[in-house]
N, C-alpha and C. Protein backbone atom coordinates (compact mmCIF):
# COMPACT_ATOMS: atom_id res chain seq x y z
N MET A 1 -53.35 118.24 -62.24
CA MET A 1 -52.60 117.10 -61.74
C MET A 1 -51.13 117.49 -61.61
N SER A 2 -50.58 117.34 -60.44
CA SER A 2 -49.18 117.69 -60.24
C SER A 2 -48.32 116.42 -60.23
N LEU A 3 -47.07 116.60 -60.62
CA LEU A 3 -46.13 115.48 -60.66
C LEU A 3 -45.47 115.31 -59.30
N PRO A 4 -45.13 114.09 -58.93
CA PRO A 4 -44.38 113.89 -57.68
C PRO A 4 -43.00 114.55 -57.79
N ASP A 5 -42.42 114.89 -56.66
CA ASP A 5 -41.13 115.56 -56.64
C ASP A 5 -40.03 114.77 -57.33
N ASN A 6 -40.12 113.45 -57.28
CA ASN A 6 -39.06 112.62 -57.88
C ASN A 6 -39.36 112.23 -59.33
N ALA A 7 -40.37 112.84 -59.94
CA ALA A 7 -40.71 112.52 -61.33
C ALA A 7 -39.62 113.03 -62.27
N VAL A 8 -39.34 112.25 -63.31
CA VAL A 8 -38.37 112.67 -64.32
C VAL A 8 -39.04 113.71 -65.20
N ARG A 9 -38.35 114.81 -65.38
CA ARG A 9 -38.86 115.88 -66.24
C ARG A 9 -37.92 116.04 -67.42
N PHE A 10 -38.50 116.16 -68.60
CA PHE A 10 -37.72 116.34 -69.82
C PHE A 10 -37.77 117.78 -70.27
N VAL A 11 -36.67 118.21 -70.92
CA VAL A 11 -36.63 119.54 -71.54
C VAL A 11 -36.18 119.37 -72.98
N ASP A 12 -36.71 120.22 -73.85
CA ASP A 12 -36.37 120.14 -75.27
C ASP A 12 -35.09 120.94 -75.55
N LYS A 13 -34.63 120.83 -76.79
CA LYS A 13 -33.36 121.48 -77.17
C LYS A 13 -33.43 122.99 -77.00
N LYS A 14 -34.57 123.59 -77.29
CA LYS A 14 -34.72 125.03 -77.15
C LYS A 14 -34.52 125.45 -75.69
N THR A 15 -35.08 124.69 -74.78
CA THR A 15 -34.93 124.99 -73.35
C THR A 15 -33.50 124.76 -72.89
N VAL A 16 -32.89 123.66 -73.34
CA VAL A 16 -31.49 123.39 -73.00
C VAL A 16 -30.61 124.53 -73.49
N LYS A 17 -30.84 124.97 -74.71
CA LYS A 17 -30.06 126.06 -75.29
C LYS A 17 -30.15 127.31 -74.41
N LYS A 18 -31.34 127.61 -73.92
CA LYS A 18 -31.52 128.77 -73.05
C LYS A 18 -30.83 128.57 -71.71
N MET A 19 -30.87 127.35 -71.19
CA MET A 19 -30.27 127.08 -69.88
C MET A 19 -28.76 127.21 -69.89
N VAL A 20 -28.11 126.78 -70.99
CA VAL A 20 -26.65 126.73 -71.01
C VAL A 20 -26.02 127.79 -71.92
N SER A 21 -26.82 128.53 -72.65
CA SER A 21 -26.34 129.59 -73.55
C SER A 21 -25.34 129.09 -74.58
N TYR A 22 -25.56 127.88 -75.08
CA TYR A 22 -24.74 127.31 -76.15
C TYR A 22 -25.61 127.13 -77.39
N SER A 23 -24.98 127.15 -78.54
CA SER A 23 -25.70 126.87 -79.77
C SER A 23 -26.06 125.39 -79.83
N PRO A 24 -27.08 125.03 -80.60
CA PRO A 24 -27.42 123.61 -80.76
C PRO A 24 -26.23 122.80 -81.27
N GLN A 25 -25.43 123.38 -82.14
CA GLN A 25 -24.27 122.67 -82.68
C GLN A 25 -23.25 122.38 -81.59
N HIS A 26 -23.03 123.35 -80.70
CA HIS A 26 -22.05 123.14 -79.64
C HIS A 26 -22.56 122.11 -78.63
N ILE A 27 -23.85 122.15 -78.34
CA ILE A 27 -24.45 121.14 -77.47
C ILE A 27 -24.22 119.76 -78.07
N ASP A 28 -24.45 119.61 -79.37
CA ASP A 28 -24.23 118.33 -80.06
C ASP A 28 -22.78 117.88 -79.94
N ARG A 29 -21.84 118.81 -80.15
CA ARG A 29 -20.41 118.47 -80.06
C ARG A 29 -20.04 118.01 -78.66
N LEU A 30 -20.50 118.74 -77.65
CA LEU A 30 -20.20 118.36 -76.27
C LEU A 30 -20.79 117.00 -75.93
N GLU A 31 -22.00 116.77 -76.38
CA GLU A 31 -22.67 115.49 -76.12
C GLU A 31 -21.90 114.34 -76.78
N LYS A 32 -21.50 114.52 -78.02
CA LYS A 32 -20.75 113.48 -78.74
C LYS A 32 -19.40 113.22 -78.09
N ALA A 33 -18.81 114.25 -77.48
CA ALA A 33 -17.52 114.11 -76.81
C ALA A 33 -17.66 113.54 -75.40
N GLY A 34 -18.90 113.30 -74.95
CA GLY A 34 -19.13 112.77 -73.61
C GLY A 34 -19.01 113.81 -72.52
N ARG A 35 -19.13 115.09 -72.89
CA ARG A 35 -18.97 116.17 -71.93
C ARG A 35 -20.28 116.90 -71.66
N PHE A 36 -21.39 116.27 -72.02
CA PHE A 36 -22.71 116.85 -71.83
C PHE A 36 -23.69 115.69 -71.70
N PRO A 37 -24.76 115.84 -70.91
CA PRO A 37 -25.72 114.75 -70.75
C PRO A 37 -26.29 114.26 -72.09
N LYS A 38 -26.53 112.98 -72.17
CA LYS A 38 -27.08 112.36 -73.39
C LYS A 38 -28.56 112.65 -73.52
N ARG A 39 -28.99 112.82 -74.74
CA ARG A 39 -30.41 113.02 -75.03
C ARG A 39 -31.17 111.70 -74.92
N VAL A 40 -32.46 111.81 -74.78
CA VAL A 40 -33.35 110.66 -74.72
C VAL A 40 -34.29 110.74 -75.92
N LYS A 41 -34.38 109.66 -76.68
CA LYS A 41 -35.28 109.65 -77.83
C LYS A 41 -36.69 109.37 -77.33
N LEU A 42 -37.59 110.33 -77.54
CA LEU A 42 -38.97 110.19 -77.09
C LEU A 42 -39.86 109.57 -78.16
N GLY A 43 -39.45 109.70 -79.39
CA GLY A 43 -40.23 109.17 -80.50
C GLY A 43 -39.57 109.57 -81.81
N PRO A 44 -40.19 109.26 -82.92
CA PRO A 44 -39.60 109.62 -84.21
C PRO A 44 -39.41 111.14 -84.32
N GLY A 45 -38.19 111.55 -84.51
CA GLY A 45 -37.90 112.97 -84.67
C GLY A 45 -38.07 113.80 -83.42
N ARG A 46 -38.14 113.17 -82.26
CA ARG A 46 -38.35 113.93 -81.02
C ARG A 46 -37.37 113.46 -79.96
N VAL A 47 -36.54 114.40 -79.47
CA VAL A 47 -35.59 114.09 -78.40
C VAL A 47 -35.75 115.11 -77.29
N ALA A 48 -35.25 114.75 -76.12
CA ALA A 48 -35.26 115.66 -74.97
C ALA A 48 -34.13 115.26 -74.05
N TRP A 49 -33.89 116.08 -73.04
CA TRP A 49 -32.87 115.79 -72.03
C TRP A 49 -33.55 115.72 -70.68
N VAL A 50 -32.95 114.98 -69.77
CA VAL A 50 -33.48 114.89 -68.42
C VAL A 50 -33.06 116.16 -67.68
N LEU A 51 -34.03 116.89 -67.20
CA LEU A 51 -33.77 118.19 -66.56
C LEU A 51 -32.77 118.07 -65.42
N SER A 52 -32.92 117.06 -64.57
CA SER A 52 -32.01 116.92 -63.42
C SER A 52 -30.57 116.68 -63.87
N GLU A 53 -30.37 116.02 -65.01
CA GLU A 53 -29.02 115.80 -65.53
C GLU A 53 -28.41 117.11 -66.03
N ILE A 54 -29.20 117.94 -66.67
CA ILE A 54 -28.71 119.24 -67.13
C ILE A 54 -28.36 120.11 -65.93
N GLU A 55 -29.23 120.10 -64.93
CA GLU A 55 -28.96 120.89 -63.72
C GLU A 55 -27.71 120.40 -63.00
N ALA A 56 -27.50 119.08 -62.95
CA ALA A 56 -26.30 118.53 -62.31
C ALA A 56 -25.06 118.92 -63.10
N TRP A 57 -25.15 118.92 -64.42
CA TRP A 57 -24.02 119.32 -65.27
C TRP A 57 -23.65 120.78 -65.00
N ILE A 58 -24.65 121.64 -64.89
CA ILE A 58 -24.41 123.06 -64.59
C ILE A 58 -23.75 123.20 -63.21
N GLU A 59 -24.26 122.48 -62.23
CA GLU A 59 -23.68 122.52 -60.88
C GLU A 59 -22.23 122.05 -60.89
N ALA A 60 -21.92 121.03 -61.70
CA ALA A 60 -20.55 120.54 -61.79
C ALA A 60 -19.63 121.60 -62.39
N LEU A 61 -20.11 122.34 -63.38
CA LEU A 61 -19.31 123.43 -63.95
C LEU A 61 -19.01 124.49 -62.90
N ILE A 62 -20.01 124.82 -62.11
CA ILE A 62 -19.83 125.83 -61.06
C ILE A 62 -18.83 125.33 -60.02
N ALA A 63 -18.97 124.06 -59.62
CA ALA A 63 -18.04 123.49 -58.63
C ALA A 63 -16.62 123.48 -59.18
N GLU A 64 -16.46 123.12 -60.45
CA GLU A 64 -15.14 123.11 -61.09
C GLU A 64 -14.54 124.51 -61.09
N ARG A 65 -15.36 125.49 -61.40
CA ARG A 65 -14.91 126.88 -61.38
C ARG A 65 -14.45 127.27 -59.98
N ASP A 66 -15.22 126.91 -58.98
CA ASP A 66 -14.88 127.27 -57.61
C ASP A 66 -13.58 126.63 -57.15
N VAL A 67 -13.32 125.40 -57.58
CA VAL A 67 -12.06 124.72 -57.24
C VAL A 67 -10.90 125.45 -57.90
N ARG A 68 -11.08 125.82 -59.17
CA ARG A 68 -10.01 126.53 -59.89
C ARG A 68 -9.73 127.87 -59.23
N VAL A 69 -10.77 128.61 -58.85
CA VAL A 69 -10.61 129.90 -58.22
C VAL A 69 -9.91 129.75 -56.87
N ALA A 70 -10.32 128.75 -56.08
CA ALA A 70 -9.73 128.54 -54.76
C ALA A 70 -8.28 128.13 -54.84
N SER A 71 -7.90 127.41 -55.90
CA SER A 71 -6.53 126.91 -56.00
C SER A 71 -5.60 127.87 -56.74
N SER A 72 -6.15 128.91 -57.35
CA SER A 72 -5.28 129.85 -58.07
C SER A 72 -4.58 130.77 -57.08
N THR A 73 -3.38 131.14 -57.45
CA THR A 73 -2.63 132.04 -56.58
C THR A 73 -2.61 133.42 -57.20
N TRP A 74 -2.76 134.40 -56.36
CA TRP A 74 -2.76 135.78 -56.84
C TRP A 74 -1.44 136.37 -56.61
């Protein structure tokens, strides 16, 4: 059974850590500071993140980098 293209997909902390190369502690700090997507509580002791939100966050970092590079003077 395949999911529709617009289905919400969740990723666990281990996957998020691999995607962004941050420690779990740093992910927690960024999230608490409002600088990282919020987790979703799936059940007792189980949380995940929305994959599309993590991907959008990564894209925003890349776009921010590109703006900084384009506006810097050599």
